[in-house]
Amino acid sequence: MTRGGSGSGTNRSGAYIHAYPTGADCNSPSNEIVLGPTQSNGVVQYPGLPFGDYELCADWRSGSSYWKTSSSTTIQNRVATGATTQTRLSISNSSANGRCEDPSPPPPEDGV
């Protein structure tokens, strides 16, 4: 389903793909689903995501630096058996820009 590519178009092995569910029912302490590292071909081996809408992010680490990229649109899984197309996330390695983080964390339980 998902690739972690580099800016030059090659596949990025070892990039971690993070999925963040969106919608009203996504108010658990951590919405993040980590799909695991990409293989040598840049694809996540077991990308299964439950039915729903997701924002995707991929990050890759070299030494103490991290590079990341996020999906520009919400990914919709509307097929019971899972999506059949791949989503390509291209990770640039020109300048480190941090790690993936939940783009819309839920409010604290006490409302503060």
PDB file of N, CA and C in Angstrom:
ATOM      1  N   MET A   1       0.815  -1.183   0.000  1.00  0.00           N
ATOM      2  CA  MET A   1       0.000   0.000   0.000  1.00  0.00           C
ATOM      3  C   MET A   1       0.863   1.252   0.000  1.00  0.00           C
ATOM      4  N   THR A   2       1.890   1.314   0.797  1.00  0.00           N
ATOM      5  CA  THR A   2       2.604   2.567   0.957  1.00  0.00           C
ATOM      6  C   THR A   2       4.089   2.405   0.722  1.00  0.00           C
ATOM      7  N   ARG A   3       4.667   3.401   0.099  1.00  0.00           N
ATOM      8  CA  ARG A   3       6.109   3.428  -0.133  1.00  0.00           C
ATOM      9  C   ARG A   3       6.711   4.600   0.614  1.00  0.00           C
ATOM     10  N   GLY A   4       7.929   4.437   1.027  1.00  0.00           N
ATOM     11  CA  GLY A   4       8.692   5.554   1.560  1.00  0.00           C
ATOM     12  C   GLY A   4       9.819   5.820   0.588  1.00  0.00           C
ATOM     13  N   GLY A   5       9.616   6.688  -0.347  1.00  0.00           N
ATOM     14  CA  GLY A   5      10.625   6.948  -1.374  1.00  0.00           C
ATOM     15  C   GLY A   5      11.503   8.113  -0.999  1.00  0.00           C
ATOM     16  N   SER A   6      12.541   8.317  -1.744  1.00  0.00           N
ATOM     17  CA  SER A   6      13.376   9.496  -1.526  1.00  0.00           C
ATOM     18  C   SER A   6      13.076  10.504  -2.612  1.00  0.00           C
ATOM     19  N   GLY A   7      13.598  11.705  -2.458  1.00  0.00           N
ATOM     20  CA  GLY A   7      13.347  12.754  -3.424  1.00  0.00           C
ATOM     21  C   GLY A   7      13.843  12.407  -4.813  1.00  0.00           C
ATOM     22  N   SER A   8      14.832  11.529  -4.912  1.00  0.00           N
ATOM     23  CA  SER A   8      15.371  11.190  -6.218  1.00  0.00           C
ATOM     24  C   SER A   8      14.574  10.085  -6.906  1.00  0.00           C
ATOM     25  N   GLY A   9      13.532   9.585  -6.275  1.00  0.00           N
ATOM     26  CA  GLY A   9      12.684   8.587  -6.898  1.00  0.00           C
ATOM     27  C   GLY A   9      13.067   7.148  -6.578  1.00  0.00           C
ATOM     28  N   THR A  10      14.127   6.938  -5.810  1.00  0.00           N
ATOM     29  CA  THR A  10      14.485   5.582  -5.418  1.00  0.00           C
ATOM     30  C   THR A  10      13.666   5.178  -4.199  1.00  0.00           C
ATOM     31  N   ASN A  11      13.598   3.887  -3.930  1.00  0.00           N
ATOM     32  CA  ASN A  11      12.831   3.408  -2.787  1.00  0.00           C
ATOM     33  C   ASN A  11      13.658   3.499  -1.521  1.00  0.00           C
ATOM     34  N   ARG A  12      13.017   3.879  -0.439  1.00  0.00           N
ATOM     35  CA  ARG A  12      13.695   4.059   0.844  1.00  0.00           C
ATOM     36  C   ARG A  12      13.413   2.860   1.736  1.00  0.00           C
ATOM     37  N   SER A  13      14.417   2.052   1.980  1.00  0.00           N
ATOM     38  CA  SER A  13      14.300   0.927   2.894  1.00  0.00           C
ATOM     39  C   SER A  13      14.420   1.444   4.323  1.00  0.00           C
ATOM     40  N   GLY A  14      13.596   0.937   5.221  1.00  0.00           N
ATOM     41  CA  GLY A  14      13.689   1.292   6.631  1.00  0.00           C
ATOM     42  C   GLY A  14      12.952   2.555   7.018  1.00  0.00           C
ATOM     43  N   ALA A  15      12.168   3.130   6.113  1.00  0.00           N
ATOM     44  CA  ALA A  15      11.337   4.280   6.478  1.00  0.00           C
ATOM     45  C   ALA A  15      10.127   3.749   7.245  1.00  0.00           C
ATOM     46  N   TYR A  16       9.719   4.449   8.279  1.00  0.00           N
ATOM     47  CA  TYR A  16       8.540   4.035   9.040  1.00  0.00           C
ATOM     48  C   TYR A  16       7.326   4.798   8.549  1.00  0.00           C
ATOM     49  N   ILE A  17       6.242   4.066   8.326  1.00  0.00           N
ATOM     50  CA  ILE A  17       5.003   4.650   7.853  1.00  0.00           C
ATOM     51  C   ILE A  17       4.035   4.727   9.032  1.00  0.00           C
ATOM     52  N   HIS A  18       3.496   5.914   9.257  1.00  0.00           N
ATOM     53  CA  HIS A  18       2.569   6.171  10.353  1.00  0.00           C
ATOM     54  C   HIS A  18       1.223   6.544   9.751  1.00  0.00           C
ATOM     55  N   ALA A  19       0.139   5.985  10.280  1.00  0.00           N
ATOM     56  CA  ALA A  19      -1.210   6.315   9.827  1.00  0.00           C
ATOM     57  C   ALA A  19      -1.964   6.920  11.002  1.00  0.00           C
ATOM     58  N   TYR A  20      -2.630   8.026  10.749  1.00  0.00           N
ATOM     59  CA  TYR A  20      -3.402   8.722  11.777  1.00  0.00           C
ATOM     60  C   TYR A  20      -4.872   8.740  11.359  1.00  0.00           C
ATOM     61  N   PRO A  21      -5.725   7.970  12.065  1.00  0.00           N
ATOM     62  CA  PRO A  21      -7.151   7.971  11.718  1.00  0.00           C
ATOM     63  C   PRO A  21      -7.736   9.374  11.907  1.00  0.00           C
ATOM     64  N   THR A  22      -8.652   9.741  11.039  1.00  0.00           N
ATOM     65  CA  THR A  22      -9.341  11.025  11.173  1.00  0.00           C
ATOM     66  C   THR A  22     -10.814  10.752  11.394  1.00  0.00           C
ATOM     67  N   GLY A  23     -11.523  11.703  11.926  1.00  0.00           N
ATOM     68  CA  GLY A  23     -12.959  11.543  12.140  1.00  0.00           C
ATOM     69  C   GLY A  23     -13.333  11.713  13.599  1.00  0.00           C
ATOM     70  N   ALA A  24     -14.632  11.810  13.847  1.00  0.00           N
ATOM     71  CA  ALA A  24     -15.154  12.108  15.184  1.00  0.00           C
ATOM     72  C   ALA A  24     -14.868  11.016  16.200  1.00  0.00           C
ATOM     73  N   ASP A  25     -14.751   9.777  15.790  1.00  0.00           N
ATOM     74  CA  ASP A  25     -14.556   8.680  16.735  1.00  0.00           C
ATOM     75  C   ASP A  25     -13.100   8.459  17.120  1.00  0.00           C
ATOM     76  N   CYS A  26     -12.206   9.290  16.631  1.00  0.00           N
ATOM     77  CA  CYS A  26     -10.771   9.089  16.857  1.00  0.00           C
ATOM     78  C   CYS A  26     -10.299   9.954  18.012  1.00  0.00           C
ATOM     79  N   ASN A  27     -10.682   9.590  19.228  1.00  0.00           N
ATOM     80  CA  ASN A  27     -10.312  10.399  20.382  1.00  0.00           C
ATOM     81  C   ASN A  27      -9.569   9.595  21.443  1.00  0.00           C
ATOM     82  N   SER A  28      -8.904   8.532  21.039  1.00  0.00           N
ATOM     83  CA  SER A  28      -8.109   7.754  21.992  1.00  0.00           C
ATOM     84  C   SER A  28      -6.847   8.542  22.324  1.00  0.00           C
ATOM     85  N   PRO A  29      -6.123   8.178  23.397  1.00  0.00           N
ATOM     86  CA  PRO A  29      -4.910   8.917  23.757  1.00  0.00           C
ATOM     87  C   PRO A  29      -3.891   8.999  22.629  1.00  0.00           C
ATOM     88  N   SER A  30      -3.779   7.957  21.826  1.00  0.00           N
ATOM     89  CA  SER A  30      -2.871   8.005  20.683  1.00  0.00           C
ATOM     90  C   SER A  30      -3.564   7.397  19.480  1.00  0.00           C
ATOM     91  N   ASN A  31      -3.750   8.197  18.453  1.00  0.00           N
ATOM     92  CA  ASN A  31      -4.425   7.714  17.250  1.00  0.00           C
ATOM     93  C   ASN A  31      -3.473   7.005  16.302  1.00  0.00           C
ATOM     94  N   GLU A  32      -2.201   7.096  16.537  1.00  0.00           N
ATOM     95  CA  GLU A  32      -1.200   6.623  15.593  1.00  0.00           C
ATOM     96  C   GLU A  32      -1.212   5.099  15.417  1.00  0.00           C
ATOM     97  N   ILE A  33      -1.125   4.682  14.158  1.00  0.00           N
ATOM     98  CA  ILE A  33      -0.922   3.278  13.806  1.00  0.00           C
ATOM     99  C   ILE A  33       0.399   3.234  13.047  1.00  0.00           C
ATOM    100  N   VAL A  34       1.381   2.531  13.592  1.00  0.00           N
ATOM    101  CA  VAL A  34       2.668   2.413  12.907  1.00  0.00           C
ATOM    102  C   VAL A  34       2.639   1.153  12.061  1.00  0.00           C
ATOM    103  N   LEU A  35       2.803   1.320  10.760  1.00  0.00           N
ATOM    104  CA  LEU A  35       2.721   0.190   9.836  1.00  0.00           C
ATOM    105  C   LEU A  35       4.038  -0.558   9.712  1.00  0.00           C
ATOM    106  N   GLY A  36       5.065  -0.078  10.348  1.00  0.00           N
ATOM    107  CA  GLY A  36       6.349  -0.761  10.312  1.00  0.00           C
ATOM    108  C   GLY A  36       7.271  -0.187   9.271  1.00  0.00           C
ATOM    109  N   PRO A  37       8.491  -0.713   9.234  1.00  0.00           N
ATOM    110  CA  PRO A  37       9.467  -0.187   8.276  1.00  0.00           C
ATOM    111  C   PRO A  37       9.226  -0.709   6.871  1.00  0.00           C
ATOM    112  N   THR A  38       9.633   0.076   5.905  1.00  0.00           N
ATOM    113  CA  THR A  38       9.549  -0.358   4.518  1.00  0.00           C
ATOM    114  C   THR A  38      10.647  -1.374   4.242  1.00  0.00           C
ATOM    115  N   GLN A  39      10.380  -2.258   3.297  1.00  0.00           N
ATOM    116  CA  GLN A  39      11.345  -3.264   2.869  1.00  0.00           C
ATOM    117  C   GLN A  39      12.313  -2.631   1.858  1.00  0.00           C
ATOM    118  N   SER A  40      13.197  -3.419   1.311  1.00  0.00           N
ATOM    119  CA  SER A  40      14.180  -2.908   0.356  1.00  0.00           C
ATOM    120  C   SER A  40      13.537  -2.310  -0.892  1.00  0.00           C
ATOM    121  N   ASN A  41      12.309  -2.752  -1.226  1.00  0.00           N
ATOM    122  CA  ASN A  41      11.609  -2.186  -2.386  1.00  0.00           C
ATOM    123  C   ASN A  41      10.804  -0.949  -2.017  1.00  0.00           C
ATOM    124  N   GLY A  42      10.891  -0.501  -0.751  1.00  0.00           N
ATOM    125  CA  GLY A  42      10.200   0.699  -0.316  1.00  0.00           C
ATOM    126  C   GLY A  42       8.753   0.507   0.062  1.00  0.00           C
ATOM    127  N   VAL A  43       8.278  -0.733   0.125  1.00  0.00           N
ATOM    128  CA  VAL A  43       6.873  -1.017   0.406  1.00  0.00           C
ATOM    129  C   VAL A  43       6.746  -1.634   1.792  1.00  0.00           C
ATOM    130  N   VAL A  44       5.690  -1.265   2.514  1.00  0.00           N
ATOM    131  CA  VAL A  44       5.399  -1.874   3.811  1.00  0.00           C
ATOM    132  C   VAL A  44       4.866  -3.281   3.563  1.00  0.00           C
ATOM    133  N   GLN A  45       5.406  -4.259   4.296  1.00  0.00           N
ATOM    134  CA  GLN A  45       5.035  -5.648   4.044  1.00  0.00           C
ATOM    135  C   GLN A  45       3.578  -5.942   4.391  1.00  0.00           C
ATOM    136  N   TYR A  46       3.117  -5.505   5.563  1.00  0.00           N
ATOM    137  CA  TYR A  46       1.741  -5.765   5.993  1.00  0.00           C
ATOM    138  C   TYR A  46       1.061  -4.434   6.300  1.00  0.00           C
ATOM    139  N   PRO A  47       0.563  -3.747   5.269  1.00  0.00           N
ATOM    140  CA  PRO A  47       0.059  -2.389   5.468  1.00  0.00           C
ATOM    141  C   PRO A  47      -1.384  -2.285   5.951  1.00  0.00           C
ATOM    142  N   GLY A  48      -2.002  -3.383   6.327  1.00  0.00           N
ATOM    143  CA  GLY A  48      -3.432  -3.384   6.629  1.00  0.00           C
ATOM    144  C   GLY A  48      -3.883  -2.271   7.553  1.00  0.00           C
ATOM    145  N   LEU A  49      -4.898  -1.566   7.124  1.00  0.00           N
ATOM    146  CA  LEU A  49      -5.541  -0.538   7.934  1.00  0.00           C
ATOM    147  C   LEU A  49      -7.023  -0.834   7.971  1.00  0.00           C
ATOM    148  N   PRO A  50      -7.667  -0.622   9.120  1.00  0.00           N
ATOM    149  CA  PRO A  50      -9.117  -0.812   9.182  1.00  0.00           C
ATOM    150  C   PRO A  50      -9.837   0.178   8.259  1.00  0.00           C
ATOM    151  N   PHE A  51     -11.077  -0.129   7.950  1.00  0.00           N
ATOM    152  CA  PHE A  51     -11.932   0.752   7.162  1.00  0.00           C
ATOM    153  C   PHE A  51     -11.897   2.144   7.788  1.00  0.00           C
ATOM    154  N   GLY A  52     -11.708   3.175   6.991  1.00  0.00           N
ATOM    155  CA  GLY A  52     -11.723   4.536   7.516  1.00  0.00           C
ATOM    156  C   GLY A  52     -10.858   5.478   6.706  1.00  0.00           C
ATOM    157  N   ASP A  53     -10.697   6.678   7.243  1.00  0.00           N
ATOM    158  CA  ASP A  53      -9.907   7.733   6.618  1.00  0.00           C
ATOM    159  C   ASP A  53      -8.632   7.950   7.433  1.00  0.00           C
ATOM    160  N   TYR A  54      -7.536   8.225   6.719  1.00  0.00           N
ATOM    161  CA  TYR A  54      -6.231   8.354   7.376  1.00  0.00           C
ATOM    162  C   TYR A  54      -5.400   9.469   6.769  1.00  0.00           C
ATOM    163  N   GLU A  55      -4.591  10.084   7.613  1.00  0.00           N
ATOM    164  CA  GLU A  55      -3.506  10.931   7.153  1.00  0.00           C
ATOM    165  C   GLU A  55      -2.259  10.085   7.323  1.00  0.00           C
ATOM    166  N   LEU A  56      -1.401  10.047   6.302  1.00  0.00           N
ATOM    167  CA  LEU A  56      -0.194   9.233   6.353  1.00  0.00           C
ATOM    168  C   LEU A  56       1.043  10.101   6.491  1.00  0.00           C
ATOM    169  N   CYS A  57       2.042   9.546   7.138  1.00  0.00           N
ATOM    170  CA  CYS A  57       3.330  10.207   7.265  1.00  0.00           C
ATOM    171  C   CYS A  57       4.400   9.127   7.212  1.00  0.00           C
ATOM    172  N   ALA A  58       5.513   9.443   6.590  1.00  0.00           N
ATOM    173  CA  ALA A  58       6.660   8.531   6.558  1.00  0.00           C
ATOM    174  C   ALA A  58       7.856   9.275   7.115  1.00  0.00           C
ATOM    175  N   ASP A  59       8.639   8.599   7.954  1.00  0.00           N
ATOM    176  CA  ASP A  59       9.888   9.213   8.389  1.00  0.00           C
ATOM    177  C   ASP A  59      11.024   8.212   8.301  1.00  0.00           C
ATOM    178  N   TRP A  60      12.207   8.745   8.178  1.00  0.00           N
ATOM    179  CA  TRP A  60      13.418   7.959   7.981  1.00  0.00           C
ATOM    180  C   TRP A  60      14.530   8.588   8.801  1.00  0.00           C
ATOM    181  N   ARG A  61      15.345   7.757   9.423  1.00  0.00           N
ATOM    182  CA  ARG A  61      16.403   8.244  10.309  1.00  0.00           C
ATOM    183  C   ARG A  61      17.772   7.851   9.792  1.00  0.00           C
ATOM    184  N   SER A  62      18.685   8.788   9.886  1.00  0.00           N
ATOM    185  CA  SER A  62      20.089   8.540   9.606  1.00  0.00           C
ATOM    186  C   SER A  62      20.884   9.229  10.696  1.00  0.00           C
ATOM    187  N   GLY A  63      21.555   8.439  11.529  1.00  0.00           N
ATOM    188  CA  GLY A  63      22.263   9.016  12.676  1.00  0.00           C
ATOM    189  C   GLY A  63      21.260   9.632  13.628  1.00  0.00           C
ATOM    190  N   SER A  64      21.437  10.903  13.955  1.00  0.00           N
ATOM    191  CA  SER A  64      20.500  11.581  14.856  1.00  0.00           C
ATOM    192  C   SER A  64      19.524  12.475  14.091  1.00  0.00           C
ATOM    193  N   SER A  65      19.521  12.406  12.773  1.00  0.00           N
ATOM    194  CA  SER A  65      18.644  13.251  11.958  1.00  0.00           C
ATOM    195  C   SER A  65      17.462  12.452  11.420  1.00  0.00           C
ATOM    196  N   TYR A  66      16.312  13.119  11.304  1.00  0.00           N
ATOM    197  CA  TYR A  66      15.097  12.512  10.763  1.00  0.00           C
ATOM    198  C   TYR A  66      14.586  13.336   9.585  1.00  0.00           C
ATOM    199  N   TRP A  67      14.075  12.655   8.593  1.00  0.00           N
ATOM    200  CA  TRP A  67      13.405  13.264   7.453  1.00  0.00           C
ATOM    201  C   TRP A  67      11.991  12.715   7.434  1.00  0.00           C
ATOM    202  N   LYS A  68      11.025  13.535   7.047  1.00  0.00           N
ATOM    203  CA  LYS A  68       9.636  13.061   7.008  1.00  0.00           C
ATOM    204  C   LYS A  68       8.894  13.677   5.841  1.00  0.00           C
ATOM    205  N   THR A  69       7.777  13.066   5.517  1.00  0.00           N
ATOM    206  CA  THR A  69       6.831  13.613   4.551  1.00  0.00           C
ATOM    207  C   THR A  69       5.444  13.129   4.929  1.00  0.00           C
ATOM    208  N   SER A  70       4.438  13.896   4.600  1.00  0.00           N
ATOM    209  CA  SER A  70       3.055  13.532   4.910  1.00  0.00           C
ATOM    210  C   SER A  70       2.236  13.458   3.634  1.00  0.00           C
ATOM    211  N   SER A  71       1.140  12.707   3.711  1.00  0.00           N
ATOM    212  CA  SER A  71       0.243  12.645   2.559  1.00  0.00           C
ATOM    213  C   SER A  71      -0.410  14.006   2.380  1.00  0.00           C
ATOM    214  N   SER A  72      -0.578  14.421   1.142  1.00  0.00           N
ATOM    215  CA  SER A  72      -1.178  15.724   0.873  1.00  0.00           C
ATOM    216  C   SER A  72      -2.697  15.664   0.931  1.00  0.00           C
ATOM    217  N   THR A  73      -3.253  14.472   0.849  1.00  0.00           N
ATOM    218  CA  THR A  73      -4.702  14.302   0.936  1.00  0.00           C
ATOM    219  C   THR A  73      -5.019  13.183   1.920  1.00  0.00           C
ATOM    220  N   THR A  74      -6.250  13.136   2.380  1.00  0.00           N
ATOM    221  CA  THR A  74      -6.696  12.048   3.256  1.00  0.00           C
ATOM    222  C   THR A  74      -6.822  10.778   2.427  1.00  0.00           C
ATOM    223  N   ILE A  75      -6.259   9.686   2.941  1.00  0.00           N
ATOM    224  CA  ILE A  75      -6.342   8.387   2.290  1.00  0.00           C
ATOM    225  C   ILE A  75      -7.597   7.701   2.801  1.00  0.00           C
ATOM    226  N   GLN A  76      -8.451   7.238   1.912  1.00  0.00           N
ATOM    227  CA  GLN A  76      -9.692   6.584   2.297  1.00  0.00           C
ATOM    228  C   GLN A  76      -9.618   5.097   1.989  1.00  0.00           C
ATOM    229  N   ASN A  77      -9.796   4.273   3.017  1.00  0.00           N
ATOM    230  CA  ASN A  77      -9.899   2.836   2.830  1.00  0.00           C
ATOM    231  C   ASN A  77     -11.377   2.486   2.871  1.00  0.00           C
ATOM    232  N   ARG A  78     -11.950   2.229   1.719  1.00  0.00           N
ATOM    233  CA  ARG A  78     -13.373   1.943   1.613  1.00  0.00           C
ATOM    234  C   ARG A  78     -13.656   0.516   1.157  1.00  0.00           C
ATOM    235  N   VAL A  79     -12.637  -0.319   1.097  1.00  0.00           N
ATOM    236  CA  VAL A  79     -12.790  -1.689   0.628  1.00  0.00           C
ATOM    237  C   VAL A  79     -12.568  -2.628   1.809  1.00  0.00           C
ATOM    238  N   ALA A  80     -13.490  -3.538   2.040  1.00  0.00           N
ATOM    239  CA  ALA A  80     -13.400  -4.445   3.189  1.00  0.00           C
ATOM    240  C   ALA A  80     -12.099  -5.240   3.201  1.00  0.00           C
ATOM    241  N   THR A  81     -11.586  -5.589   2.025  1.00  0.00           N
ATOM    242  CA  THR A  81     -10.351  -6.376   1.956  1.00  0.00           C
ATOM    243  C   THR A  81      -9.108  -5.499   1.912  1.00  0.00           C
ATOM    244  N   GLY A  82      -9.276  -4.188   1.962  1.00  0.00           N
ATOM    245  CA  GLY A  82      -8.143  -3.271   1.950  1.00  0.00           C
ATOM    246  C   GLY A  82      -7.913  -2.657   0.584  1.00  0.00           C
ATOM    247  N   ALA A  83      -7.225  -1.536   0.575  1.00  0.00           N
ATOM    248  CA  ALA A  83      -6.954  -0.827  -0.674  1.00  0.00           C
ATOM    249  C   ALA A  83      -6.061  -1.675  -1.572  1.00  0.00           C
ATOM    250  N   THR A  84      -6.263  -1.567  -2.858  1.00  0.00           N
ATOM    251  CA  THR A  84      -5.467  -2.359  -3.800  1.00  0.00           C
ATOM    252  C   THR A  84      -4.425  -1.521  -4.529  1.00  0.00           C
ATOM    253  N   THR A  85      -4.404  -0.230  -4.297  1.00  0.00           N
ATOM    254  CA  THR A  85      -3.420   0.630  -4.942  1.00  0.00           C
ATOM    255  C   THR A  85      -2.387   1.105  -3.926  1.00  0.00           C
ATOM    256  N   GLN A  86      -1.217   1.473  -4.407  1.00  0.00           N
ATOM    257  CA  GLN A  86      -0.172   1.974  -3.532  1.00  0.00           C
ATOM    258  C   GLN A  86      -0.236   3.487  -3.442  1.00  0.00           C
ATOM    259  N   THR A  87       0.123   3.998  -2.275  1.00  0.00           N
ATOM    260  CA  THR A  87       0.271   5.425  -2.072  1.00  0.00           C
ATOM    261  C   THR A  87       1.751   5.687  -1.925  1.00  0.00           C
ATOM    262  N   ARG A  88       2.290   6.592  -2.716  1.00  0.00           N
ATOM    263  CA  ARG A  88       3.722   6.882  -2.678  1.00  0.00           C
ATOM    264  C   ARG A  88       3.975   8.132  -1.863  1.00  0.00           C
ATOM    265  N   LEU A  89       4.808   7.998  -0.850  1.00  0.00           N
ATOM    266  CA  LEU A  89       5.242   9.123  -0.037  1.00  0.00           C
ATOM    267  C   LEU A  89       6.719   9.337  -0.320  1.00  0.00           C
ATOM    268  N   SER A  90       7.075  10.456  -0.872  1.00  0.00           N
ATOM    269  CA  SER A  90       8.451  10.718  -1.282  1.00  0.00           C
ATOM    270  C   SER A  90       9.183  11.489  -0.196  1.00  0.00           C
ATOM    271  N   ILE A  91      10.210  10.870   0.378  1.00  0.00           N
ATOM    272  CA  ILE A  91      10.982  11.488   1.449  1.00  0.00           C
ATOM    273  C   ILE A  91      12.225  12.124   0.857  1.00  0.00           C
ATOM    274  N   SER A  92      12.351  13.421   1.020  1.00  0.00           N
ATOM    275  CA  SER A  92      13.542  14.129   0.555  1.00  0.00           C
ATOM    276  C   SER A  92      14.669  13.891   1.553  1.00  0.00           C
ATOM    277  N   ASN A  93      15.886  13.865   1.085  1.00  0.00           N
ATOM    278  CA  ASN A  93      17.014  13.755   2.007  1.00  0.00           C
ATOM    279  C   ASN A  93      17.906  14.985   1.903  1.00  0.00           C
ATOM    280  N   SER A  94      17.333  16.107   1.449  1.00  0.00           N
ATOM    281  CA  SER A  94      18.123  17.321   1.293  1.00  0.00           C
ATOM    282  C   SER A  94      18.313  18.060   2.614  1.00  0.00           C
ATOM    283  N   SER A  95      17.311  18.066   3.489  1.00  0.00           N
ATOM    284  CA  SER A  95      17.473  18.705   4.795  1.00  0.00           C
ATOM    285  C   SER A  95      16.575  18.019   5.809  1.00  0.00           C
ATOM    286  N   ALA A  96      17.126  17.687   6.963  1.00  0.00           N
ATOM    287  CA  ALA A  96      16.371  17.000   8.009  1.00  0.00           C
ATOM    288  C   ALA A  96      15.231  17.910   8.470  1.00  0.00           C
ATOM    289  N   ASN A  97      14.035  17.339   8.597  1.00  0.00           N
ATOM    290  CA  ASN A  97      12.884  18.148   8.989  1.00  0.00           C
ATOM    291  C   ASN A  97      12.050  17.519  10.100  1.00  0.00           C
ATOM    292  N   GLY A  98      12.587  16.556  10.833  1.00  0.00           N
ATOM    293  CA  GLY A  98      11.905  16.020  11.994  1.00  0.00           C
ATOM    294  C   GLY A  98      11.199  14.698  11.779  1.00  0.00           C
ATOM    295  N   ARG A  99      10.482  14.272  12.827  1.00  0.00           N
ATOM    296  CA  ARG A  99       9.765  13.005  12.844  1.00  0.00           C
ATOM    297  C   ARG A  99       8.281  13.215  12.643  1.00  0.00           C
ATOM    298  N   CYS A 100       7.587  12.144  12.319  1.00  0.00           N
ATOM    299  CA  CYS A 100       6.128  12.194  12.183  1.00  0.00           C
ATOM    300  C   CYS A 100       5.495  12.393  13.554  1.00  0.00           C
ATOM    301  N   GLU A 101       4.454  13.200  13.577  1.00  0.00           N
ATOM    302  CA  GLU A 101       3.679  13.424  14.796  1.00  0.00           C
ATOM    303  C   GLU A 101       2.212  13.468  14.424  1.00  0.00           C
ATOM    304  N   ASP A 102       1.354  13.086  15.376  1.00  0.00           N
ATOM    305  CA  ASP A 102      -0.082  13.112  15.148  1.00  0.00           C
ATOM    306  C   ASP A 102      -0.489  14.536  14.761  1.00  0.00           C
ATOM    307  N   PRO A 103      -1.062  14.723  13.560  1.00  0.00           N
ATOM    308  CA  PRO A 103      -1.410  16.073  13.124  1.00  0.00           C
ATOM    309  C   PRO A 103      -2.575  16.697  13.880  1.00  0.00           C
ATOM    310  N   SER A 104      -3.382  15.883  14.530  1.00  0.00           N
ATOM    311  CA  SER A 104      -4.536  16.408  15.270  1.00  0.00           C
ATOM    312  C   SER A 104      -4.736  15.614  16.544  1.00  0.00           C
ATOM    313  N   PRO A 105      -3.830  15.784  17.532  1.00  0.00           N
ATOM    314  CA  PRO A 105      -3.968  15.001  18.761  1.00  0.00           C
ATOM    315  C   PRO A 105      -5.263  15.342  19.484  1.00  0.00           C
ATOM    316  N   PRO A 106      -5.841  14.363  20.184  1.00  0.00           N
ATOM    317  CA  PRO A 106      -7.104  14.605  20.895  1.00  0.00           C
ATOM    318  C   PRO A 106      -6.880  15.537  22.073  1.00  0.00           C
ATOM    319  N   PRO A 107      -7.932  16.253  22.503  1.00  0.00           N
ATOM    320  CA  PRO A 107      -7.784  17.121  23.671  1.00  0.00           C
ATOM    321  C   PRO A 107      -7.579  16.283  24.930  1.00  0.00           C
ATOM    322  N   PRO A 108      -6.903  16.835  25.936  1.00  0.00           N
ATOM    323  CA  PRO A 108      -6.703  16.096  27.186  1.00  0.00           C
ATOM    324  C   PRO A 108      -8.047  15.749  27.839  1.00  0.00           C
ATOM    325  N   GLU A 109      -8.037  14.698  28.657  1.00  0.00           N
ATOM    326  CA  GLU A 109      -9.256  14.240  29.315  1.00  0.00           C
ATOM    327  C   GLU A 109      -9.897  15.336  30.182  1.00  0.00           C
ATOM    328  N   ASP A 110      -9.058  16.189  30.825  1.00  0.00           N
ATOM    329  CA  ASP A 110      -9.603  17.222  31.704  1.00  0.00           C
ATOM    330  C   ASP A 110     -10.013  18.488  30.942  1.00  0.00           C
ATOM    331  N   GLY A 111      -9.839  18.487  29.616  1.00  0.00           N
ATOM    332  CA  GLY A 111     -10.273  19.605  28.803  1.00  0.00           C
ATOM    333  C   GLY A 111      -9.321  20.783  28.791  1.00  0.00           C
ATOM    334  N   VAL A 112      -8.197  20.688  29.459  1.00  0.00           N
ATOM    335  CA  VAL A 112      -7.238  21.804  29.522  1.00  0.00           C
ATOM    336  C   VAL A 112      -6.190  21.652  28.452  1.00  0.00           C
TER     337      VAL A 112
END
